[in-house]
């Protein structure tokens, strides 16, 4: 087994650990963190089905076409809850619904289910980066700190995880179709090893956010 393949497999450990921990402490979570936990459960389910298909040498790209719009919908719910005091949340929901429509059209006409949906992933990353930047500003606001002081630390960790992951993988997703179809198998593997490393960082941030959840 190559180092790249091993890292890709091991990158699922933080996902599993975060999902299990979220389930264990779910009843103790505040509303924003519960919504975030739903995203973690969905993500873990899709990721492990994808890994199973990968081991079986089956095409797991259809899962990616499902995972991307689901991620945007869950995170629209999460960020709308956080930012409701600072922006009109209808903007977030309308953006998410337009993206959902775009993703469906893209999967039908431009990037079929068995191919890498680079267009949707790129736009998803841009949208999430924008949301994380708005949230960083909101978390610095005294009104937010005073009205919801307990969640600030956890939300900072979650937001940082999303920002690091999506800002670093944006170029990777933009060229994802060429990486998976044009470049050599070895280069492809090492590229996704980098992706797995960034995933480990993101889910480590998520685990810390739940660990530092507000207690009553």
C-alpha atoms as a PDB file:
ATOM      1  CA  UNK A   1       0.000   0.000   0.000  1.00  0.00           C
ATOM      2  CA  UNK A   2       1.407   3.409  -0.985  1.00  0.00           C
ATOM      3  CA  UNK A   3       1.787   6.291   1.466  1.00  0.00           C
ATOM      4  CA  UNK A   4      -0.751   8.342  -0.500  1.00  0.00           C
ATOM      5  CA  UNK A   5      -3.332   5.550  -0.395  1.00  0.00           C
ATOM      6  CA  UNK A   6      -2.743   5.073   3.354  1.00  0.00           C
ATOM      7  CA  UNK A   7      -3.230   8.788   4.082  1.00  0.00           C
ATOM      8  CA  UNK A   8      -6.447   8.847   2.051  1.00  0.00           C
ATOM      9  CA  UNK A   9      -7.774   5.937   4.137  1.00  0.00           C
ATOM     10  CA  UNK A  10      -6.574   7.365   7.474  1.00  0.00           C
ATOM     11  CA  UNK A  11      -8.193  10.726   6.678  1.00  0.00           C
ATOM     12  CA  UNK A  12     -11.541   9.088   7.425  1.00  0.00           C
ATOM     13  CA  UNK A  13     -10.601   8.556  11.088  1.00  0.00           C
ATOM     14  CA  UNK A  14     -11.203  12.223  12.110  1.00  0.00           C
ATOM     15  CA  UNK A  15     -14.516  12.118  10.228  1.00  0.00           C
ATOM     16  CA  UNK A  16     -15.615   9.020  12.148  1.00  0.00           C
ATOM     17  CA  UNK A  17     -14.337  10.379  15.466  1.00  0.00           C
ATOM     18  CA  UNK A  18     -16.163  13.690  14.980  1.00  0.00           C
ATOM     19  CA  UNK A  19     -19.424  11.966  14.012  1.00  0.00           C
ATOM     20  CA  UNK A  20     -19.275   9.611  17.011  1.00  0.00           C
ATOM     21  CA  UNK A  21     -18.449  12.440  19.415  1.00  0.00           C
ATOM     22  CA  UNK A  22     -21.238  14.594  17.957  1.00  0.00           C
ATOM     23  CA  UNK A  23     -23.685  11.730  18.544  1.00  0.00           C
ATOM     24  CA  UNK A  24     -22.472  11.217  22.120  1.00  0.00           C
ATOM     25  CA  UNK A  25     -22.819  14.865  23.132  1.00  0.00           C
ATOM     26  CA  UNK A  26     -25.744  15.736  20.827  1.00  0.00           C
ATOM     27  CA  UNK A  27     -28.252  16.414  23.627  1.00  0.00           C
ATOM     28  CA  UNK A  28     -25.829  18.879  25.220  1.00  0.00           C
ATOM     29  CA  UNK A  29     -25.346  20.935  22.058  1.00  0.00           C
ATOM     30  CA  UNK A  30     -26.838  24.372  21.451  1.00  0.00           C
ATOM     31  CA  UNK A  31     -29.082  24.839  18.415  1.00  0.00           C
ATOM     32  CA  UNK A  32     -26.340  26.012  15.998  1.00  0.00           C
ATOM     33  CA  UNK A  33     -24.104  23.116  17.032  1.00  0.00           C
ATOM     34  CA  UNK A  34     -26.950  20.618  16.627  1.00  0.00           C
ATOM     35  CA  UNK A  35     -27.505  21.842  13.072  1.00  0.00           C
ATOM     36  CA  UNK A  36     -23.769  21.480  12.512  1.00  0.00           C
ATOM     37  CA  UNK A  37     -23.943  17.934  13.937  1.00  0.00           C
ATOM     38  CA  UNK A  38     -26.566  17.029  11.315  1.00  0.00           C
ATOM     39  CA  UNK A  39     -24.079  18.100   8.653  1.00  0.00           C
ATOM     40  CA  UNK A  40     -21.358  15.969  10.262  1.00  0.00           C
ATOM     41  CA  UNK A  41     -23.646  12.894  10.301  1.00  0.00           C
ATOM     42  CA  UNK A  42     -24.561  13.373   6.646  1.00  0.00           C
ATOM     43  CA  UNK A  43     -20.959  13.958   5.652  1.00  0.00           C
ATOM     44  CA  UNK A  44     -19.705  10.884   7.512  1.00  0.00           C
ATOM     45  CA  UNK A  45     -22.348   8.668   5.900  1.00  0.00           C
ATOM     46  CA  UNK A  46     -21.519   9.842   2.380  1.00  0.00           C
ATOM     47  CA  UNK A  47     -17.752   9.710   2.967  1.00  0.00           C
ATOM     48  CA  UNK A  48     -17.782   6.122   4.206  1.00  0.00           C
ATOM     49  CA  UNK A  49     -20.070   4.914   1.424  1.00  0.00           C
ATOM     50  CA  UNK A  50     -17.660   6.599  -0.985  1.00  0.00           C
ATOM     51  CA  UNK A  51     -14.681   4.861   0.664  1.00  0.00           C
ATOM     52  CA  UNK A  52     -16.460   1.500   0.423  1.00  0.00           C
ATOM     53  CA  UNK A  53     -17.064   2.053  -3.310  1.00  0.00           C
ATOM     54  CA  UNK A  54     -13.428   3.135  -3.731  1.00  0.00           C
ATOM     55  CA  UNK A  55     -12.224  -0.101  -2.144  1.00  0.00           C
ATOM     56  CA  UNK A  56     -14.514  -2.016  -4.489  1.00  0.00           C
ATOM     57  CA  UNK A  57     -13.067  -0.074  -7.453  1.00  0.00           C
ATOM     58  CA  UNK A  58     -16.529   1.302  -8.233  1.00  0.00           C
ATOM     59  CA  UNK A  59     -17.161   4.808  -9.532  1.00  0.00           C
ATOM     60  CA  UNK A  60     -18.125   6.935  -6.522  1.00  0.00           C
ATOM     61  CA  UNK A  61     -18.627  10.184  -8.445  1.00  0.00           C
ATOM     62  CA  UNK A  62     -22.464  10.036  -8.239  1.00  0.00           C
ATOM     63  CA  UNK A  63     -22.103  10.391  -4.467  1.00  0.00           C
ATOM     64  CA  UNK A  64     -20.121  13.578  -4.985  1.00  0.00           C
ATOM     65  CA  UNK A  65     -22.934  14.979  -7.138  1.00  0.00           C
ATOM     66  CA  UNK A  66     -25.283  14.311  -4.206  1.00  0.00           C
ATOM     67  CA  UNK A  67     -22.891  15.431  -1.475  1.00  0.00           C
ATOM     68  CA  UNK A  68     -22.171  18.896  -2.907  1.00  0.00           C
ATOM     69  CA  UNK A  69     -25.761  20.268  -2.964  1.00  0.00           C
ATOM     70  CA  UNK A  70     -26.530  18.591   0.385  1.00  0.00           C
ATOM     71  CA  UNK A  71     -23.491  20.305   1.899  1.00  0.00           C
ATOM     72  CA  UNK A  72     -24.630  23.710   0.658  1.00  0.00           C
ATOM     73  CA  UNK A  73     -28.166  23.176   2.009  1.00  0.00           C
ATOM     74  CA  UNK A  74     -26.942  22.042   5.447  1.00  0.00           C
ATOM     75  CA  UNK A  75     -24.441  24.873   5.693  1.00  0.00           C
ATOM     76  CA  UNK A  76     -27.044  27.409   4.533  1.00  0.00           C
ATOM     77  CA  UNK A  77     -29.155  26.262   7.490  1.00  0.00           C
ATOM     78  CA  UNK A  78     -26.161  26.445   9.839  1.00  0.00           C
ATOM     79  CA  UNK A  79     -24.914  29.870   8.724  1.00  0.00           C
ATOM     80  CA  UNK A  80     -28.405  31.347   8.481  1.00  0.00           C
ATOM     81  CA  UNK A  81     -28.844  30.469  12.159  1.00  0.00           C
ATOM     82  CA  UNK A  82     -25.570  32.142  13.096  1.00  0.00           C
ATOM     83  CA  UNK A  83     -25.882  35.251  10.933  1.00  0.00           C
ATOM     84  CA  UNK A  84     -29.588  35.989  11.389  1.00  0.00           C
ATOM     85  CA  UNK A  85     -28.815  39.085  13.498  1.00  0.00           C
ATOM     86  CA  UNK A  86     -26.464  40.524  10.892  1.00  0.00           C
ATOM     87  CA  UNK A  87     -27.828  39.819   7.406  1.00  0.00           C
ATOM     88  CA  UNK A  88     -31.130  38.962   5.755  1.00  0.00           C
ATOM     89  CA  UNK A  89     -31.170  35.159   5.942  1.00  0.00           C
ATOM     90  CA  UNK A  90     -33.408  34.955   2.851  1.00  0.00           C
ATOM     91  CA  UNK A  91     -30.302  35.858   0.851  1.00  0.00           C
ATOM     92  CA  UNK A  92     -28.555  32.735   2.144  1.00  0.00           C
ATOM     93  CA  UNK A  93     -31.536  30.492   1.446  1.00  0.00           C
ATOM     94  CA  UNK A  94     -32.184  31.882  -2.044  1.00  0.00           C
ATOM     95  CA  UNK A  95     -28.499  31.468  -2.883  1.00  0.00           C
ATOM     96  CA  UNK A  96     -28.607  27.871  -1.657  1.00  0.00           C
ATOM     97  CA  UNK A  97     -31.730  27.097  -3.700  1.00  0.00           C
ATOM     98  CA  UNK A  98     -30.253  28.686  -6.849  1.00  0.00           C
ATOM     99  CA  UNK A  99     -27.106  26.628  -6.300  1.00  0.00           C
ATOM    100  CA  UNK A 100     -29.223  23.489  -5.923  1.00  0.00           C
ATOM    101  CA  UNK A 101     -30.886  24.206  -9.273  1.00  0.00           C
ATOM    102  CA  UNK A 102     -27.506  24.917 -10.863  1.00  0.00           C
ATOM    103  CA  UNK A 103     -26.064  21.697  -9.465  1.00  0.00           C
ATOM    104  CA  UNK A 104     -28.915  19.623 -10.912  1.00  0.00           C
ATOM    105  CA  UNK A 105     -28.586  21.278 -14.335  1.00  0.00           C
ATOM    106  CA  UNK A 106     -24.805  20.855 -14.237  1.00  0.00           C
ATOM    107  CA  UNK A 107     -25.088  17.127 -13.427  1.00  0.00           C
ATOM    108  CA  UNK A 108     -27.627  16.543 -16.209  1.00  0.00           C
ATOM    109  CA  UNK A 109     -26.172  18.591 -19.063  1.00  0.00           C
ATOM    110  CA  UNK A 110     -22.521  19.496 -18.400  1.00  0.00           C
ATOM    111  CA  UNK A 111     -20.803  17.152 -15.940  1.00  0.00           C
ATOM    112  CA  UNK A 112     -22.638  13.797 -15.882  1.00  0.00           C
ATOM    113  CA  UNK A 113     -22.981  11.732 -12.709  1.00  0.00           C
ATOM    114  CA  UNK A 114     -20.014   9.496 -13.525  1.00  0.00           C
ATOM    115  CA  UNK A 115     -17.620  12.443 -13.900  1.00  0.00           C
ATOM    116  CA  UNK A 116     -16.056  14.895 -11.470  1.00  0.00           C
ATOM    117  CA  UNK A 117     -18.448  17.810 -10.855  1.00  0.00           C
ATOM    118  CA  UNK A 118     -15.753  20.473 -10.872  1.00  0.00           C
ATOM    119  CA  UNK A 119     -18.124  23.373 -11.657  1.00  0.00           C
ATOM    120  CA  UNK A 120     -20.386  22.726  -8.666  1.00  0.00           C
ATOM    121  CA  UNK A 121     -17.476  22.099  -6.292  1.00  0.00           C
ATOM    122  CA  UNK A 122     -15.748  25.323  -7.326  1.00  0.00           C
ATOM    123  CA  UNK A 123     -18.867  27.447  -6.814  1.00  0.00           C
ATOM    124  CA  UNK A 124     -19.624  25.628  -3.551  1.00  0.00           C
ATOM    125  CA  UNK A 125     -16.163  26.532  -2.229  1.00  0.00           C
ATOM    126  CA  UNK A 126     -16.566  30.187  -3.246  1.00  0.00           C
ATOM    127  CA  UNK A 127     -19.961  30.411  -1.505  1.00  0.00           C
ATOM    128  CA  UNK A 128     -18.651  28.799   1.680  1.00  0.00           C
ATOM    129  CA  UNK A 129     -15.570  31.038   1.740  1.00  0.00           C
ATOM    130  CA  UNK A 130     -17.863  34.084   1.495  1.00  0.00           C
ATOM    131  CA  UNK A 131     -20.028  32.768   4.347  1.00  0.00           C
ATOM    132  CA  UNK A 132     -16.988  32.075   6.527  1.00  0.00           C
ATOM    133  CA  UNK A 133     -15.658  35.605   5.969  1.00  0.00           C
ATOM    134  CA  UNK A 134     -19.017  37.121   6.954  1.00  0.00           C
ATOM    135  CA  UNK A 135     -19.025  34.885  10.028  1.00  0.00           C
ATOM    136  CA  UNK A 136     -15.505  35.888  11.082  1.00  0.00           C
ATOM    137  CA  UNK A 137     -16.683  39.515  11.010  1.00  0.00           C
ATOM    138  CA  UNK A 138     -19.844  38.655  12.963  1.00  0.00           C
ATOM    139  CA  UNK A 139     -17.883  36.754  15.606  1.00  0.00           C
ATOM    140  CA  UNK A 140     -15.797  39.860  16.238  1.00  0.00           C
ATOM    141  CA  UNK A 141     -18.927  41.935  16.810  1.00  0.00           C
ATOM    142  CA  UNK A 142     -19.611  42.866  20.449  1.00  0.00           C
ATOM    143  CA  UNK A 143     -23.349  42.334  19.941  1.00  0.00           C
ATOM    144  CA  UNK A 144     -22.755  38.704  18.967  1.00  0.00           C
ATOM    145  CA  UNK A 145     -20.286  38.113  21.795  1.00  0.00           C
ATOM    146  CA  UNK A 146     -22.722  39.510  24.355  1.00  0.00           C
ATOM    147  CA  UNK A 147     -25.847  37.777  23.016  1.00  0.00           C
ATOM    148  CA  UNK A 148     -24.275  34.344  22.460  1.00  0.00           C
ATOM    149  CA  UNK A 149     -20.960  34.201  24.358  1.00  0.00           C
ATOM    150  CA  UNK A 150     -20.986  30.450  24.926  1.00  0.00           C
ATOM    151  CA  UNK A 151     -20.952  29.509  21.249  1.00  0.00           C
ATOM    152  CA  UNK A 152     -18.217  31.888  20.105  1.00  0.00           C
ATOM    153  CA  UNK A 153     -15.253  29.555  20.644  1.00  0.00           C
ATOM    154  CA  UNK A 154     -16.948  26.549  19.026  1.00  0.00           C
ATOM    155  CA  UNK A 155     -18.174  28.564  16.057  1.00  0.00           C
ATOM    156  CA  UNK A 156     -14.694  30.020  15.529  1.00  0.00           C
ATOM    157  CA  UNK A 157     -13.224  26.509  15.275  1.00  0.00           C
ATOM    158  CA  UNK A 158     -15.943  25.340  12.872  1.00  0.00           C
ATOM    159  CA  UNK A 159     -15.639  28.443  10.721  1.00  0.00           C
ATOM    160  CA  UNK A 160     -11.850  28.190  10.648  1.00  0.00           C
ATOM    161  CA  UNK A 161     -12.073  24.555   9.555  1.00  0.00           C
ATOM    162  CA  UNK A 162     -14.365  25.395   6.639  1.00  0.00           C
ATOM    163  CA  UNK A 163     -12.279  28.410   5.622  1.00  0.00           C
ATOM    164  CA  UNK A 164      -8.940  26.560   5.629  1.00  0.00           C
ATOM    165  CA  UNK A 165     -10.326  23.582   3.724  1.00  0.00           C
ATOM    166  CA  UNK A 166     -12.257  25.433   1.038  1.00  0.00           C
ATOM    167  CA  UNK A 167      -9.718  28.213   0.461  1.00  0.00           C
ATOM    168  CA  UNK A 168      -6.940  25.625   0.015  1.00  0.00           C
ATOM    169  CA  UNK A 169      -8.934  23.220  -2.180  1.00  0.00           C
ATOM    170  CA  UNK A 170     -10.527  25.837  -4.445  1.00  0.00           C
ATOM    171  CA  UNK A 171      -7.845  25.486  -7.133  1.00  0.00           C
ATOM    172  CA  UNK A 172      -7.886  21.709  -6.749  1.00  0.00           C
ATOM    173  CA  UNK A 173     -11.636  21.603  -7.367  1.00  0.00           C
ATOM    174  CA  UNK A 174     -11.401  24.036 -10.282  1.00  0.00           C
ATOM    175  CA  UNK A 175      -8.963  21.738 -12.095  1.00  0.00           C
ATOM    176  CA  UNK A 176     -10.477  18.556 -10.644  1.00  0.00           C
ATOM    177  CA  UNK A 177     -11.808  17.213 -13.933  1.00  0.00           C
ATOM    178  CA  UNK A 178      -8.401  17.518 -15.621  1.00  0.00           C
ATOM    179  CA  UNK A 179      -6.656  16.005 -12.590  1.00  0.00           C
ATOM    180  CA  UNK A 180      -8.896  12.917 -12.645  1.00  0.00           C
ATOM    181  CA  UNK A 181      -8.897  12.386 -16.419  1.00  0.00           C
ATOM    182  CA  UNK A 182      -5.673  13.796 -17.889  1.00  0.00           C
ATOM    183  CA  UNK A 183      -2.877  13.472 -15.342  1.00  0.00           C
ATOM    184  CA  UNK A 184      -1.115  10.234 -14.383  1.00  0.00           C
ATOM    185  CA  UNK A 185      -2.514   7.880 -11.758  1.00  0.00           C
ATOM    186  CA  UNK A 186       0.400   8.602  -9.409  1.00  0.00           C
ATOM    187  CA  UNK A 187       0.017  12.395  -9.679  1.00  0.00           C
ATOM    188  CA  UNK A 188      -3.728  11.948  -9.205  1.00  0.00           C
ATOM    189  CA  UNK A 189      -3.136   9.939  -6.027  1.00  0.00           C
ATOM    190  CA  UNK A 190      -0.749  12.495  -4.535  1.00  0.00           C
ATOM    191  CA  UNK A 191      -3.155  15.315  -5.349  1.00  0.00           C
ATOM    192  CA  UNK A 192      -5.919  13.594  -3.423  1.00  0.00           C
ATOM    193  CA  UNK A 193      -3.455  12.863  -0.637  1.00  0.00           C
ATOM    194  CA  UNK A 194      -3.150  16.646  -0.251  1.00  0.00           C
ATOM    195  CA  UNK A 195      -6.939  16.883  -0.241  1.00  0.00           C
ATOM    196  CA  UNK A 196      -7.093  14.213   2.477  1.00  0.00           C
ATOM    197  CA  UNK A 197      -4.561  16.123   4.581  1.00  0.00           C
ATOM    198  CA  UNK A 198      -6.733  19.257   4.371  1.00  0.00           C
ATOM    199  CA  UNK A 199      -9.779  17.161   5.291  1.00  0.00           C
ATOM    200  CA  UNK A 200      -7.925  15.943   8.393  1.00  0.00           C
ATOM    201  CA  UNK A 201      -7.242  19.557   9.404  1.00  0.00           C
ATOM    202  CA  UNK A 202     -10.889  20.534   8.851  1.00  0.00           C
ATOM    203  CA  UNK A 203     -12.362  17.649  10.859  1.00  0.00           C
ATOM    204  CA  UNK A 204      -9.814  18.160  13.624  1.00  0.00           C
ATOM    205  CA  UNK A 205     -11.124  21.728  13.903  1.00  0.00           C
ATOM    206  CA  UNK A 206     -14.664  20.324  13.987  1.00  0.00           C
ATOM    207  CA  UNK A 207     -13.802  17.880  16.783  1.00  0.00           C
ATOM    208  CA  UNK A 208     -12.177  20.652  18.841  1.00  0.00           C
ATOM    209  CA  UNK A 209     -15.264  22.835  18.312  1.00  0.00           C
ATOM    210  CA  UNK A 210     -17.494  20.155  19.827  1.00  0.00           C
ATOM    211  CA  UNK A 211     -14.981  19.517  22.601  1.00  0.00           C
ATOM    212  CA  UNK A 212     -15.087  23.219  23.514  1.00  0.00           C
ATOM    213  CA  UNK A 213     -18.889  23.392  23.319  1.00  0.00           C
ATOM    214  CA  UNK A 214     -20.618  25.587  25.908  1.00  0.00           C
ATOM    215  CA  UNK A 215     -21.583  23.781  29.094  1.00  0.00           C
ATOM    216  CA  UNK A 216     -24.433  24.555  31.424  1.00  0.00           C
END
